C-alpha atoms as a PDB file:
ATOM      1  CA  MET A   1      -7.603  15.111 -16.678  1.00  0.00           C
ATOM      2  CA  PRO A   2      -7.434  14.881 -12.871  1.00  0.00           C
ATOM      3  CA  HIS A   3      -8.232  11.677 -11.055  1.00  0.00           C
ATOM      4  CA  VAL A   4     -11.818  12.517 -10.216  1.00  0.00           C
ATOM      5  CA  THR A   5     -12.800   8.890  -9.762  1.00  0.00           C
ATOM      6  CA  ALA A   6     -10.898   8.225  -6.554  1.00  0.00           C
ATOM      7  CA  PRO A   7     -12.752   6.294  -3.830  1.00  0.00           C
ATOM      8  CA  PRO A   8     -15.288   8.445  -2.020  1.00  0.00           C
ATOM      9  CA  VAL A   9     -14.663   9.765   1.436  1.00  0.00           C
ATOM     10  CA  THR A  10     -17.662   8.109   3.039  1.00  0.00           C
ATOM     11  CA  GLY A  11     -16.846   4.646   1.724  1.00  0.00           C
ATOM     12  CA  HIS A  12     -20.393   3.227   1.779  1.00  0.00           C
ATOM     13  CA  ARG A  13     -21.928   1.577  -1.259  1.00  0.00           C
ATOM     14  CA  PRO A  14     -24.479   3.804  -3.022  1.00  0.00           C
ATOM     15  CA  ARG A  15     -28.090   2.631  -3.064  1.00  0.00           C
ATOM     16  CA  TRP A  16     -30.193   2.784  -6.214  1.00  0.00           C
ATOM     17  CA  TRP A  17     -33.295   3.976  -4.361  1.00  0.00           C
ATOM     18  CA  THR A  18     -31.426   7.114  -3.295  1.00  0.00           C
ATOM     19  CA  GLU A  19     -29.384   7.613  -6.473  1.00  0.00           C
ATOM     20  CA  LEU A  20     -32.249   7.327  -8.955  1.00  0.00           C
ATOM     21  CA  PRO A  21     -34.435  10.065  -7.434  1.00  0.00           C
ATOM     22  CA  LEU A  22     -31.397  12.327  -7.033  1.00  0.00           C
ATOM     23  CA  ILE A  23     -30.403  11.977 -10.684  1.00  0.00           C
ATOM     24  CA  ALA A  24     -34.006  12.402 -11.815  1.00  0.00           C
ATOM     25  CA  VAL A  25     -34.399  15.602  -9.812  1.00  0.00           C
ATOM     26  CA  VAL A  26     -31.124  17.067 -11.104  1.00  0.00           C
ATOM     27  CA  TYR A  27     -31.995  16.221 -14.708  1.00  0.00           C
ATOM     28  CA  ALA A  28     -35.488  17.680 -14.313  1.00  0.00           C
ATOM     29  CA  LEU A  29     -34.049  20.906 -12.894  1.00  0.00           C
ATOM     30  CA  TYR A  30     -31.544  21.041 -15.740  1.00  0.00           C
ATOM     31  CA  SER A  31     -34.263  20.533 -18.380  1.00  0.00           C
ATOM     32  CA  MET A  32     -36.539  23.136 -16.822  1.00  0.00           C
ATOM     33  CA  GLY A  33     -33.696  25.616 -16.504  1.00  0.00           C
ATOM     34  CA  ARG A  34     -32.710  24.991 -20.109  1.00  0.00           C
ATOM     35  CA  LEU A  35     -36.194  25.954 -21.214  1.00  0.00           C
ATOM     36  CA  LEU A  36     -36.379  29.037 -19.005  1.00  0.00           C
ATOM     37  CA  VAL A  37     -33.133  30.590 -20.284  1.00  0.00           C
ATOM     38  CA  ARG A  38     -34.105  30.898 -23.930  1.00  0.00           C
ATOM     39  CA  GLY A  39     -32.793  34.421 -24.264  1.00  0.00           C
ATOM     40  CA  ASP A  40     -33.381  36.849 -27.091  1.00  0.00           C
ATOM     41  CA  VAL A  41     -33.262  35.366 -30.607  1.00  0.00           C
ATOM     42  CA  SER A  42     -31.390  38.304 -32.109  1.00  0.00           C
ATOM     43  CA  THR A  43     -28.774  38.077 -29.340  1.00  0.00           C
ATOM     44  CA  ALA A  44     -28.398  34.335 -29.957  1.00  0.00           C
ATOM     45  CA  VAL A  45     -27.918  34.940 -33.689  1.00  0.00           C
ATOM     46  CA  ASP A  46     -25.284  37.605 -32.996  1.00  0.00           C
ATOM     47  CA  HIS A  47     -23.392  35.175 -30.754  1.00  0.00           C
ATOM     48  CA  GLY A  48     -23.544  32.462 -33.400  1.00  0.00           C
ATOM     49  CA  LEU A  49     -22.211  34.751 -36.114  1.00  0.00           C
ATOM     50  CA  ALA A  50     -19.451  35.980 -33.796  1.00  0.00           C
ATOM     51  CA  ILE A  51     -18.319  32.399 -33.179  1.00  0.00           C
ATOM     52  CA  LEU A  52     -18.415  31.636 -36.900  1.00  0.00           C
ATOM     53  CA  ARG A  53     -16.303  34.696 -37.742  1.00  0.00           C
ATOM     54  CA  LEU A  54     -13.786  33.811 -35.016  1.00  0.00           C
ATOM     55  CA  GLU A  55     -13.444  30.280 -36.361  1.00  0.00           C
ATOM     56  CA  GLN A  56     -12.917  31.550 -39.889  1.00  0.00           C
ATOM     57  CA  ALA A  57     -10.263  33.954 -38.647  1.00  0.00           C
ATOM     58  CA  LEU A  58      -8.512  31.073 -36.848  1.00  0.00           C
ATOM     59  CA  HIS A  59      -8.988  28.700 -39.815  1.00  0.00           C
ATOM     60  CA  LEU A  60     -10.996  26.328 -37.603  1.00  0.00           C
ATOM     61  CA  ASN A  61     -14.146  26.252 -39.717  1.00  0.00           C
ATOM     62  CA  ALA A  62     -14.695  22.502 -40.046  1.00  0.00           C
ATOM     63  CA  GLU A  63     -18.489  22.746 -39.944  1.00  0.00           C
ATOM     64  CA  HIS A  64     -18.991  23.714 -43.605  1.00  0.00           C
ATOM     65  CA  PRO A  65     -17.183  20.757 -45.246  1.00  0.00           C
ATOM     66  CA  LEU A  66     -18.718  18.248 -42.820  1.00  0.00           C
ATOM     67  CA  ASN A  67     -22.198  19.674 -43.293  1.00  0.00           C
ATOM     68  CA  ARG A  68     -21.860  19.533 -47.064  1.00  0.00           C
ATOM     69  CA  LEU A  69     -20.721  15.907 -46.814  1.00  0.00           C
ATOM     70  CA  PHE A  70     -23.657  14.870 -44.617  1.00  0.00           C
ATOM     71  CA  THR A  71     -26.124  16.807 -46.766  1.00  0.00           C
ATOM     72  CA  SER A  72     -24.981  15.241 -50.041  1.00  0.00           C
ATOM     73  CA  THR A  73     -24.521  11.698 -48.667  1.00  0.00           C
ATOM     74  CA  PRO A  74     -27.661  10.275 -47.043  1.00  0.00           C
ATOM     75  CA  SER A  75     -25.792   7.129 -45.979  1.00  0.00           C
ATOM     76  CA  LEU A  76     -23.790   9.388 -43.654  1.00  0.00           C
ATOM     77  CA  GLY A  77     -26.322  12.082 -42.869  1.00  0.00           C
ATOM     78  CA  ILE A  78     -29.192   9.810 -41.794  1.00  0.00           C
ATOM     79  CA  PRO A  79     -27.141   7.715 -39.297  1.00  0.00           C
ATOM     80  CA  ALA A  80     -25.597  10.935 -38.009  1.00  0.00           C
ATOM     81  CA  ASP A  81     -29.048  12.373 -37.320  1.00  0.00           C
ATOM     82  CA  PHE A  82     -30.084   9.200 -35.508  1.00  0.00           C
ATOM     83  CA  ALA A  83     -26.892   9.333 -33.467  1.00  0.00           C
ATOM     84  CA  TYR A  84     -27.449  12.976 -32.550  1.00  0.00           C
ATOM     85  CA  ALA A  85     -31.076  12.401 -31.552  1.00  0.00           C
ATOM     86  CA  SER A  86     -30.548   9.257 -29.460  1.00  0.00           C
ATOM     87  CA  LEU A  87     -27.033   8.438 -28.234  1.00  0.00           C
ATOM     88  CA  HIS A  88     -26.858  11.484 -25.990  1.00  0.00           C
ATOM     89  CA  TYR A  89     -29.785  10.094 -23.989  1.00  0.00           C
ATOM     90  CA  LEU A  90     -28.828   6.406 -24.128  1.00  0.00           C
ATOM     91  CA  VAL A  91     -25.062   6.070 -23.730  1.00  0.00           C
ATOM     92  CA  THR A  92     -24.709   8.479 -20.810  1.00  0.00           C
ATOM     93  CA  PRO A  93     -27.266   6.711 -18.567  1.00  0.00           C
ATOM     94  CA  ALA A  94     -25.834   3.338 -19.640  1.00  0.00           C
ATOM     95  CA  VAL A  95     -22.324   4.336 -18.543  1.00  0.00           C
ATOM     96  CA  LEU A  96     -23.710   5.755 -15.290  1.00  0.00           C
ATOM     97  CA  ILE A  97     -25.494   2.454 -14.554  1.00  0.00           C
ATOM     98  CA  TRP A  98     -22.347   0.514 -15.485  1.00  0.00           C
ATOM     99  CA  MET A  99     -20.322   2.566 -13.045  1.00  0.00           C
ATOM    100  CA  PHE A 100     -22.951   2.028 -10.343  1.00  0.00           C
ATOM    101  CA  ARG A 101     -22.980  -1.751 -10.778  1.00  0.00           C
ATOM    102  CA  ARG A 102     -19.355  -2.545 -11.620  1.00  0.00           C
ATOM    103  CA  ARG A 103     -17.325   0.346 -10.193  1.00  0.00           C
ATOM    104  CA  SER A 104     -19.262   1.331  -7.096  1.00  0.00           C
ATOM    105  CA  ALA A 105     -16.152   2.647  -5.319  1.00  0.00           C
ATOM    106  CA  THR A 106     -15.718   5.362  -7.959  1.00  0.00           C
ATOM    107  CA  TYR A 107     -19.354   5.827  -8.937  1.00  0.00           C
ATOM    108  CA  ARG A 108     -20.029   8.734  -6.595  1.00  0.00           C
ATOM    109  CA  ALA A 109     -17.156  10.809  -7.944  1.00  0.00           C
ATOM    110  CA  ALA A 110     -18.248  10.089 -11.531  1.00  0.00           C
ATOM    111  CA  ARG A 111     -21.804  11.137 -10.760  1.00  0.00           C
ATOM    112  CA  VAL A 112     -20.705  14.350  -9.026  1.00  0.00           C
ATOM    113  CA  TRP A 113     -18.430  15.148 -11.970  1.00  0.00           C
ATOM    114  CA  LEU A 114     -21.310  14.759 -14.430  1.00  0.00           C
ATOM    115  CA  MET A 115     -23.669  16.887 -12.345  1.00  0.00           C
ATOM    116  CA  ASN A 116     -21.092  19.625 -11.854  1.00  0.00           C
ATOM    117  CA  SER A 117     -20.460  19.881 -15.573  1.00  0.00           C
ATOM    118  CA  THR A 118     -24.152  19.782 -16.463  1.00  0.00           C
ATOM    119  CA  LEU A 119     -24.942  22.662 -14.117  1.00  0.00           C
ATOM    120  CA  LEU A 120     -21.987  24.610 -15.523  1.00  0.00           C
ATOM    121  CA  GLY A 121     -23.409  24.025 -18.983  1.00  0.00           C
ATOM    122  CA  LEU A 122     -26.699  25.514 -17.823  1.00  0.00           C
ATOM    123  CA  VAL A 123     -24.786  28.592 -16.695  1.00  0.00           C
ATOM    124  CA  GLY A 124     -23.285  28.816 -20.184  1.00  0.00           C
ATOM    125  CA  PHE A 125     -26.707  28.629 -21.816  1.00  0.00           C
ATOM    126  CA  THR A 126     -27.871  31.433 -19.541  1.00  0.00           C
ATOM    127  CA  LEU A 127     -24.936  33.754 -20.104  1.00  0.00           C
ATOM    128  CA  MET A 128     -24.470  33.093 -23.804  1.00  0.00           C
ATOM    129  CA  PRO A 129     -27.528  31.924 -25.772  1.00  0.00           C
ATOM    130  CA  THR A 130     -26.184  30.892 -29.158  1.00  0.00           C
ATOM    131  CA  CYS A 131     -27.883  30.207 -32.461  1.00  0.00           C
ATOM    132  CA  PRO A 132     -26.631  26.892 -33.927  1.00  0.00           C
ATOM    133  CA  PRO A 133     -25.391  26.859 -37.532  1.00  0.00           C
ATOM    134  CA  ARG A 134     -28.533  25.106 -38.831  1.00  0.00           C
ATOM    135  CA  LEU A 135     -30.736  28.021 -37.710  1.00  0.00           C
ATOM    136  CA  LEU A 136     -28.639  30.743 -39.347  1.00  0.00           C
ATOM    137  CA  ASP A 137     -29.760  32.319 -42.557  1.00  0.00           C
ATOM    138  CA  ALA A 138     -29.244  30.069 -45.584  1.00  0.00           C
ATOM    139  CA  SER A 139     -26.788  32.595 -46.991  1.00  0.00           C
ATOM    140  CA  HIS A 140     -24.233  31.370 -44.468  1.00  0.00           C
ATOM    141  CA  GLY A 141     -24.071  28.017 -46.234  1.00  0.00           C
ATOM    142  CA  PHE A 142     -25.509  25.576 -43.652  1.00  0.00           C
ATOM    143  CA  VAL A 143     -28.236  22.985 -44.205  1.00  0.00           C
ATOM    144  CA  ASP A 144     -30.311  21.572 -41.353  1.00  0.00           C
ATOM    145  CA  THR A 145     -29.846  17.834 -41.863  1.00  0.00           C
ATOM    146  CA  MET A 146     -32.375  17.097 -39.122  1.00  0.00           C
ATOM    147  CA  ALA A 147     -35.003  18.842 -41.241  1.00  0.00           C
ATOM    148  CA  GLN A 148     -33.701  17.337 -44.496  1.00  0.00           C
ATOM    149  CA  TYR A 149     -33.929  13.749 -43.223  1.00  0.00           C
ATOM    150  CA  SER A 150     -36.842  14.213 -40.795  1.00  0.00           C
ATOM    151  CA  GLY A 151     -38.924  11.708 -42.761  1.00  0.00           C
ATOM    152  CA  TYR A 152     -36.567   8.927 -41.679  1.00  0.00           C
ATOM    153  CA  GLY A 153     -36.773   9.517 -37.938  1.00  0.00           C
ATOM    154  CA  TRP A 154     -39.053  10.558 -35.106  1.00  0.00           C
ATOM    155  CA  TRP A 155     -37.804  14.133 -34.908  1.00  0.00           C
ATOM    156  CA  GLY A 156     -39.458  17.127 -36.498  1.00  0.00           C
ATOM    157  CA  THR A 157     -38.116  19.992 -38.533  1.00  0.00           C
ATOM    158  CA  GLY A 158     -37.612  22.298 -35.553  1.00  0.00           C
ATOM    159  CA  ALA A 159     -35.264  20.251 -33.404  1.00  0.00           C
ATOM    160  CA  SER A 160     -34.148  16.730 -32.546  1.00  0.00           C
ATOM    161  CA  ALA A 161     -37.147  16.407 -30.226  1.00  0.00           C
ATOM    162  CA  PRO A 162     -40.085  14.232 -31.362  1.00  0.00           C
ATOM    163  CA  ARG A 163     -42.469  15.757 -33.867  1.00  0.00           C
ATOM    164  CA  GLY A 164     -44.695  18.408 -32.391  1.00  0.00           C
ATOM    165  CA  LEU A 165     -42.488  18.844 -29.318  1.00  0.00           C
ATOM    166  CA  SER A 166     -39.871  21.177 -30.722  1.00  0.00           C
ATOM    167  CA  GLY A 167     -41.348  23.947 -28.591  1.00  0.00           C
ATOM    168  CA  MET A 168     -40.379  21.950 -25.493  1.00  0.00           C
ATOM    169  CA  THR A 169     -36.669  22.363 -26.142  1.00  0.00           C
ATOM    170  CA  ASN A 170     -34.351  25.359 -26.236  1.00  0.00           C
ATOM    171  CA  GLN A 171     -32.809  25.412 -29.690  1.00  0.00           C
ATOM    172  CA  TYR A 172     -30.453  28.225 -28.728  1.00  0.00           C
ATOM    173  CA  ALA A 173     -28.677  26.266 -25.996  1.00  0.00           C
ATOM    174  CA  ALA A 174     -25.671  25.507 -28.158  1.00  0.00           C
ATOM    175  CA  MET A 175     -22.756  26.955 -26.167  1.00  0.00           C
ATOM    176  CA  PRO A 176     -21.286  24.803 -24.684  1.00  0.00           C
ATOM    177  CA  SER A 177     -22.074  21.528 -26.427  1.00  0.00           C
ATOM    178  CA  LEU A 178     -23.084  19.037 -23.761  1.00  0.00           C
ATOM    179  CA  HIS A 179     -23.413  16.415 -26.483  1.00  0.00           C
ATOM    180  CA  VAL A 180     -19.628  16.607 -26.713  1.00  0.00           C
ATOM    181  CA  GLY A 181     -19.175  17.136 -22.980  1.00  0.00           C
ATOM    182  CA  TRP A 182     -21.215  14.110 -21.945  1.00  0.00           C
ATOM    183  CA  SER A 183     -19.586  11.946 -24.607  1.00  0.00           C
ATOM    184  CA  LEU A 184     -16.165  12.972 -23.281  1.00  0.00           C
ATOM    185  CA  TRP A 185     -17.290  11.988 -19.767  1.00  0.00           C
ATOM    186  CA  CYS A 186     -18.381   8.598 -21.079  1.00  0.00           C
ATOM    187  CA  GLY A 187     -15.170   8.138 -23.057  1.00  0.00           C
ATOM    188  CA  ILE A 188     -12.858   8.898 -20.136  1.00  0.00           C
ATOM    189  CA  LEU A 189     -14.704   6.505 -17.828  1.00  0.00           C
ATOM    190  CA  LEU A 190     -14.769   3.731 -20.420  1.00  0.00           C
ATOM    191  CA  TRP A 191     -11.071   4.161 -21.095  1.00  0.00           C
ATOM    192  CA  ARG A 192     -10.078   4.348 -17.436  1.00  0.00           C
ATOM    193  CA  HIS A 193     -12.286   1.586 -16.039  1.00  0.00           C
ATOM    194  CA  GLY A 194     -12.878  -0.657 -19.029  1.00  0.00           C
ATOM    195  CA  ARG A 195     -10.968  -3.937 -19.064  1.00  0.00           C
ATOM    196  CA  HIS A 196     -11.754  -5.211 -22.543  1.00  0.00           C
ATOM    197  CA  PRO A 197      -9.884  -3.573 -25.466  1.00  0.00           C
ATOM    198  CA  LEU A 198     -13.183  -2.974 -27.284  1.00  0.00           C
ATOM    199  CA  VAL A 199     -14.587  -1.068 -24.331  1.00  0.00           C
ATOM    200  CA  ARG A 200     -11.504   1.102 -24.122  1.00  0.00           C
ATOM    201  CA  GLY A 201     -11.578   1.617 -27.891  1.00  0.00           C
ATOM    202  CA  ALA A 202     -15.190   2.767 -27.614  1.00  0.00           C
ATOM    203  CA  GLY A 203     -14.034   5.239 -24.987  1.00  0.00           C
ATOM    204  CA  ILE A 204     -11.811   6.861 -27.623  1.00  0.00           C
ATOM    205  CA  ALA A 205     -14.176   6.611 -30.576  1.00  0.00           C
ATOM    206  CA  TYR A 206     -17.392   7.833 -28.970  1.00  0.00           C
ATOM    207  CA  PRO A 207     -16.377  11.444 -28.173  1.00  0.00           C
ATOM    208  CA  LEU A 208     -14.593  11.786 -31.524  1.00  0.00           C
ATOM    209  CA  ILE A 209     -17.619  10.546 -33.465  1.00  0.00           C
ATOM    210  CA  THR A 210     -19.938  12.770 -31.436  1.00  0.00           C
ATOM    211  CA  THR A 211     -17.832  15.842 -32.223  1.00  0.00           C
ATOM    212  CA  ILE A 212     -17.983  15.081 -35.943  1.00  0.00           C
ATOM    213  CA  VAL A 213     -21.733  14.421 -35.789  1.00  0.00           C
ATOM    214  CA  VAL A 214     -22.658  17.661 -33.999  1.00  0.00           C
ATOM    215  CA  MET A 215     -20.723  19.696 -36.572  1.00  0.00           C
ATOM    216  CA  GLY A 216     -21.817  17.711 -39.646  1.00  0.00           C
ATOM    217  CA  THR A 217     -25.490  18.000 -38.711  1.00  0.00           C
ATOM    218  CA  ALA A 218     -24.999  21.779 -38.220  1.00  0.00           C
ATOM    219  CA  ASN A 219     -26.117  21.616 -34.595  1.00  0.00           C
ATOM    220  CA  HIS A 220     -22.899  23.025 -33.107  1.00  0.00           C
ATOM    221  CA  TYR A 221     -19.806  24.988 -33.990  1.00  0.00           C
ATOM    222  CA  PHE A 222     -16.359  23.603 -33.373  1.00  0.00           C
ATOM    223  CA  LEU A 223     -15.873  26.079 -30.530  1.00  0.00           C
ATOM    224  CA  ASP A 224     -19.072  24.760 -28.949  1.00  0.00           C
ATOM    225  CA  ALA A 225     -17.357  21.380 -28.784  1.00  0.00           C
ATOM    226  CA  VAL A 226     -14.234  22.949 -27.294  1.00  0.00           C
ATOM    227  CA  ALA A 227     -16.375  24.706 -24.686  1.00  0.00           C
ATOM    228  CA  GLY A 228     -18.106  21.413 -23.870  1.00  0.00           C
ATOM    229  CA  ALA A 229     -14.728  19.777 -23.203  1.00  0.00           C
ATOM    230  CA  ALA A 230     -13.667  22.774 -21.076  1.00  0.00           C
ATOM    231  CA  VAL A 231     -16.848  22.543 -19.000  1.00  0.00           C
ATOM    232  CA  MET A 232     -16.125  18.880 -18.303  1.00  0.00           C
ATOM    233  CA  GLY A 233     -12.590  19.778 -17.240  1.00  0.00           C
ATOM    234  CA  ILE A 234     -13.822  22.419 -14.801  1.00  0.00           C
ATOM    235  CA  GLY A 235     -16.444  20.013 -13.489  1.00  0.00           C
ATOM    236  CA  ALA A 236     -13.714  17.439 -12.878  1.00  0.00           C
ATOM    237  CA  LEU A 237     -11.630  19.942 -10.912  1.00  0.00           C
ATOM    238  CA  LEU A 238     -14.633  20.766  -8.740  1.00  0.00           C
ATOM    239  CA  THR A 239     -15.468  17.134  -7.970  1.00  0.00           C
ATOM    240  CA  ARG A 240     -13.333  16.679  -4.853  1.00  0.00           C
ATOM    241  CA  PRO A 241     -14.285  20.046  -3.262  1.00  0.00           C
ATOM    242  CA  VAL A 242     -17.973  19.365  -3.891  1.00  0.00           C
ATOM    243  CA  MET A 243     -17.706  15.887  -2.367  1.00  0.00           C
ATOM    244  CA  ARG A 244     -15.946  17.236   0.722  1.00  0.00           C
ATOM    245  CA  LEU A 245     -18.560  19.960   1.079  1.00  0.00           C
ATOM    246  CA  ALA A 246     -21.360  17.393   0.751  1.00  0.00           C
ATOM    247  CA  ASP A 247     -19.738  15.166   3.406  1.00  0.00           C
ATOM    248  CA  ARG A 248     -19.436  18.082   5.815  1.00  0.00           C
ATOM    249  CA  PHE A 249     -23.044  19.025   5.240  1.00  0.00           C
ATOM    250  CA  LYS A 250     -24.158  15.431   5.889  1.00  0.00           C
ATOM    251  CA  ALA A 251     -22.139  15.324   9.108  1.00  0.00           C
ATOM    252  CA  TRP A 252     -23.572  18.679  10.215  1.00  0.00           C
ATOM    253  CA  ALA A 253     -27.115  17.584   9.393  1.00  0.00           C
ATOM    254  CA  GLY A 254     -26.577  14.302  11.245  1.00  0.00           C
ATOM    255  CA  VAL A 255     -25.458  16.127  14.377  1.00  0.00           C
ATOM    256  CA  ARG A 256     -28.404  18.506  14.148  1.00  0.00           C
ATOM    257  CA  VAL A 257     -30.838  15.602  13.898  1.00  0.00           C
ATOM    258  CA  ALA A 258     -29.167  13.246  16.383  1.00  0.00           C
ATOM    259  CA  GLY A 259     -28.662  15.914  19.074  1.00  0.00           C
ATOM    260  CA  PRO A 260     -32.356  16.608  19.814  1.00  0.00           C
ATOM    261  CA  VAL A 261     -33.180  12.885  19.663  1.00  0.00           C
ATOM    262  CA  ALA A 262     -30.471  12.028  22.212  1.00  0.00           C
ATOM    263  CA  ALA A 263     -31.535  14.931  24.419  1.00  0.00           C
ATOM    264  CA  SER A 264     -35.150  13.771  24.436  1.00  0.00           C
ATOM    265  CA  PHE A 265     -34.123  10.268  25.530  1.00  0.00           C
ATOM    266  CA  GLY A 266     -31.908  11.740  28.261  1.00  0.00           C
ATOM    267  CA  ASP A 267     -34.763  13.881  29.552  1.00  0.00           C
ATOM    268  CA  ARG A 268     -37.034  10.867  29.731  1.00  0.00           C
ATOM    269  CA  PHE A 269     -34.571   8.826  31.785  1.00  0.00           C
ATOM    270  CA  ARG A 270     -33.755  11.710  34.086  1.00  0.00           C
ATOM    271  CA  SER A 271     -37.446  12.249  34.730  1.00  0.00           C
ATOM    272  CA  GLY A 272     -37.999   8.549  35.449  1.00  0.00           C
ATOM    273  CA  ARG A 273     -40.291   8.016  32.456  1.00  0.00           C
ATOM    274  CA  GLY A 274     -37.760   5.953  30.583  1.00  0.00           C
ATOM    275  CA  THR A 275     -37.030   2.332  31.413  1.00  0.00           C
ATOM    276  CA  VAL A 276     -34.564  -0.189  30.101  1.00  0.00           C
ATOM    277  CA  PRO A 277     -36.292  -2.714  27.831  1.00  0.00           C
ATOM    278  CA  GLU A 278     -36.624  -6.144  29.376  1.00  0.00           C
ATOM    279  CA  ASP A 279     -35.210  -7.895  26.334  1.00  0.00           C
ATOM    280  CA  VAL A 280     -31.895  -6.017  26.469  1.00  0.00           C
ATOM    281  CA  PRO A 281     -29.208  -8.558  27.556  1.00  0.00           C
ATOM    282  CA  ALA A 282     -27.440  -7.768  30.804  1.00  0.00           C
ATOM    283  CA  THR A 283     -23.757  -7.003  30.728  1.00  0.00           C
ATOM    284  CA  VAL A 284     -23.068  -8.990  33.920  1.00  0.00           C
ATOM    285  CA  SER A 285     -23.736 -12.707  34.170  1.00  0.00           C
ATOM    286  CA  PRO A 286     -26.665 -13.480  36.508  1.00  0.00           C
ATOM    287  CA  ASN A 287     -26.099 -15.170  39.893  1.00  0.00           C
ATOM    288  CA  VAL A 288     -27.633 -18.620  39.429  1.00  0.00           C
ATOM    289  CA  SER A 289     -27.497 -19.359  43.147  1.00  0.00           C
ATOM    290  CA  ALA A 290     -30.058 -16.586  43.664  1.00  0.00           C
ATOM    291  CA  GLY A 291     -28.550 -15.823  47.084  1.00  0.00           C
ATOM    292  CA  CYS A 292     -28.735 -19.416  48.426  1.00  0.00           C
ATOM    293  CA  LYS A 293     -25.773 -20.803  50.385  1.00  0.00           C
ATOM    294  CA  THR A 294     -24.942 -24.302  51.681  1.00  0.00           C
ATOM    295  CA  SER A 295     -24.783 -24.772  55.382  1.00  0.00           C
ATOM    296  CA  PRO A 296     -21.993 -26.680  57.108  1.00  0.00           C
ATOM    297  CA  GLY A 297     -22.290 -30.417  56.556  1.00  0.00           C
ATOM    298  CA  GLU A 298     -24.282 -30.087  53.325  1.00  0.00           C
ATOM    299  CA  ARG A 299     -23.056 -31.016  49.879  1.00  0.00           C
ATOM    300  CA  ILE A 300     -24.222 -30.532  46.336  1.00  0.00           C
ATOM    301  CA  PRO A 301     -26.111 -33.674  45.127  1.00  0.00           C
ATOM    302  CA  GLY A 302     -23.810 -35.980  43.206  1.00  0.00           C
ATOM    303  CA  GLN A 303     -20.716 -34.383  44.683  1.00  0.00           C
ATOM    304  CA  ARG A 304     -17.876 -36.895  45.186  1.00  0.00           C
ATOM    305  CA  THR A 305     -14.793 -36.624  47.346  1.00  0.00           C
ATOM    306  CA  THR A 306     -11.288 -37.564  46.401  1.00  0.00           C
ATOM    307  CA  SER A 307      -8.617 -39.318  48.324  1.00  0.00           C
ATOM    308  CA  ALA A 308      -6.735 -36.057  48.657  1.00  0.00           C
ATOM    309  CA  ASP A 309      -9.572 -34.381  50.495  1.00  0.00           C
ATOM    310  CA  PRO A 310      -9.425 -34.306  54.257  1.00  0.00           C
ATOM    311  CA  PRO A 311     -11.827 -36.557  56.096  1.00  0.00           C
ATOM    312  CA  GLY A 312     -15.326 -35.134  56.193  1.00  0.00           C
ATOM    313  CA  THR A 313     -14.611 -32.597  53.432  1.00  0.00           C
ATOM    314  CA  ALA A 314     -16.205 -32.681  50.011  1.00  0.00           C
ATOM    315  CA  VAL A 315     -14.679 -31.328  46.831  1.00  0.00           C
ATOM    316  CA  GLY A 316     -15.095 -27.586  46.530  1.00  0.00           C
ATOM    317  CA  GLY A 317     -15.000 -27.078  50.295  1.00  0.00           C
ATOM    318  CA  VAL A 318     -18.399 -28.641  51.006  1.00  0.00           C
ATOM    319  CA  GLY A 319     -18.122 -31.167  53.828  1.00  0.00           C
ATOM    320  CA  GLY A 320     -20.134 -32.814  56.598  1.00  0.00           C
ATOM    321  CA  ARG A 321     -22.534 -35.637  57.064  1.00  0.00           C
ATOM    322  CA  ASP A 322     -23.277 -36.253  53.417  1.00  0.00           C
ATOM    323  CA  ALA A 323     -19.610 -36.555  52.538  1.00  0.00           C
ATOM    324  CA  ASP A 324     -19.050 -39.241  55.225  1.00  0.00           C
ATOM    325  CA  THR A 325     -22.100 -41.125  53.991  1.00  0.00           C
ATOM    326  CA  ALA A 326     -20.727 -41.069  50.442  1.00  0.00           C
ATOM    327  CA  ALA A 327     -17.379 -42.408  51.633  1.00  0.00           C
ATOM    328  CA  ALA A 328     -19.069 -45.253  53.519  1.00  0.00           C
ATOM    329  CA  SER A 329     -21.065 -46.224  50.490  1.00  0.00           C
ATOM    330  CA  ASP A 330     -17.904 -46.387  48.459  1.00  0.00           C
ATOM    331  CA  ASP A 331     -16.213 -48.722  50.996  1.00  0.00           C
ATOM    332  CA  ALA A 332     -19.160 -51.057  51.307  1.00  0.00           C
ATOM    333  CA  PRO A 333     -18.543 -53.090  48.167  1.00  0.00           C
ATOM    334  CA  ALA A 334     -14.912 -53.633  49.104  1.00  0.00           C
ATOM    335  CA  ALA A 335     -15.896 -55.095  52.500  1.00  0.00           C
ATOM    336  CA  ALA A 336     -18.385 -57.413  50.882  1.00  0.00           C
ATOM    337  CA  ARG A 337     -15.679 -58.793  48.623  1.00  0.00           C
END
């Protein structure tokens, strides 16, 4: 996996009030796009059966034994359903927030990587709508554990969405598996940036457990999981180019905005309408004498002469009557003694 979490080019710390709306908008667009690309059901079923036949030909069909295990063992199937319905939406934001707070130098690259891969997943849903194993005909040997154990959770029989909201999700968006893709993103970041052994261990365990869960609950094929990992790899490769492109666009937009503003100020000054604010400090120290000069024979009050000065000359070149008077006053006490 390439080093996609190198320090960003711009180098400034991200701000939550700009990051949160950006992530919310991207996720909303992804969710809306996921609903709009439902595709034809018969086409999705054909794609699902084609994947299943390919796996059987390659002896990669791990979904059947795992699904039978989860179906026959509620102590495994029920926690697996809870994990499928919740961790995808809890762990990913938690890792994103952790990166934002603790690894701000690499947060931007991690966020761009996640967004790249998510949008690529949307492209996959559009090009290849796929029926998951749980929605195939029962003759193919799969049991929908989400429906079997729906009484234990908040989800309904149609999908992992809350009861009555199954129509708000696209059940044929199975290829690639972003459950696996997002968990791999979380695992790599936890392994690379985690300092405690438990955190790094969770980085290994989480994507592995997620892959087993999505197959055991009959929500994805094994090749869906492979495609999810491939999408994350492509998204990682695109991270640096996308960041450079975004930086160039920001610089271009900044020039486009700053140019007219600077031109308007220049026009105002050239036309005489603009003035320099009075509270702007001057670059040259002011002349405290305000143009006043001492005339010959005057001295600055309190000015004293030294023995090295010529007669009638004050220190600093000021001489005259006042200097002689000061000298006489200094000699007066000596004469009295």
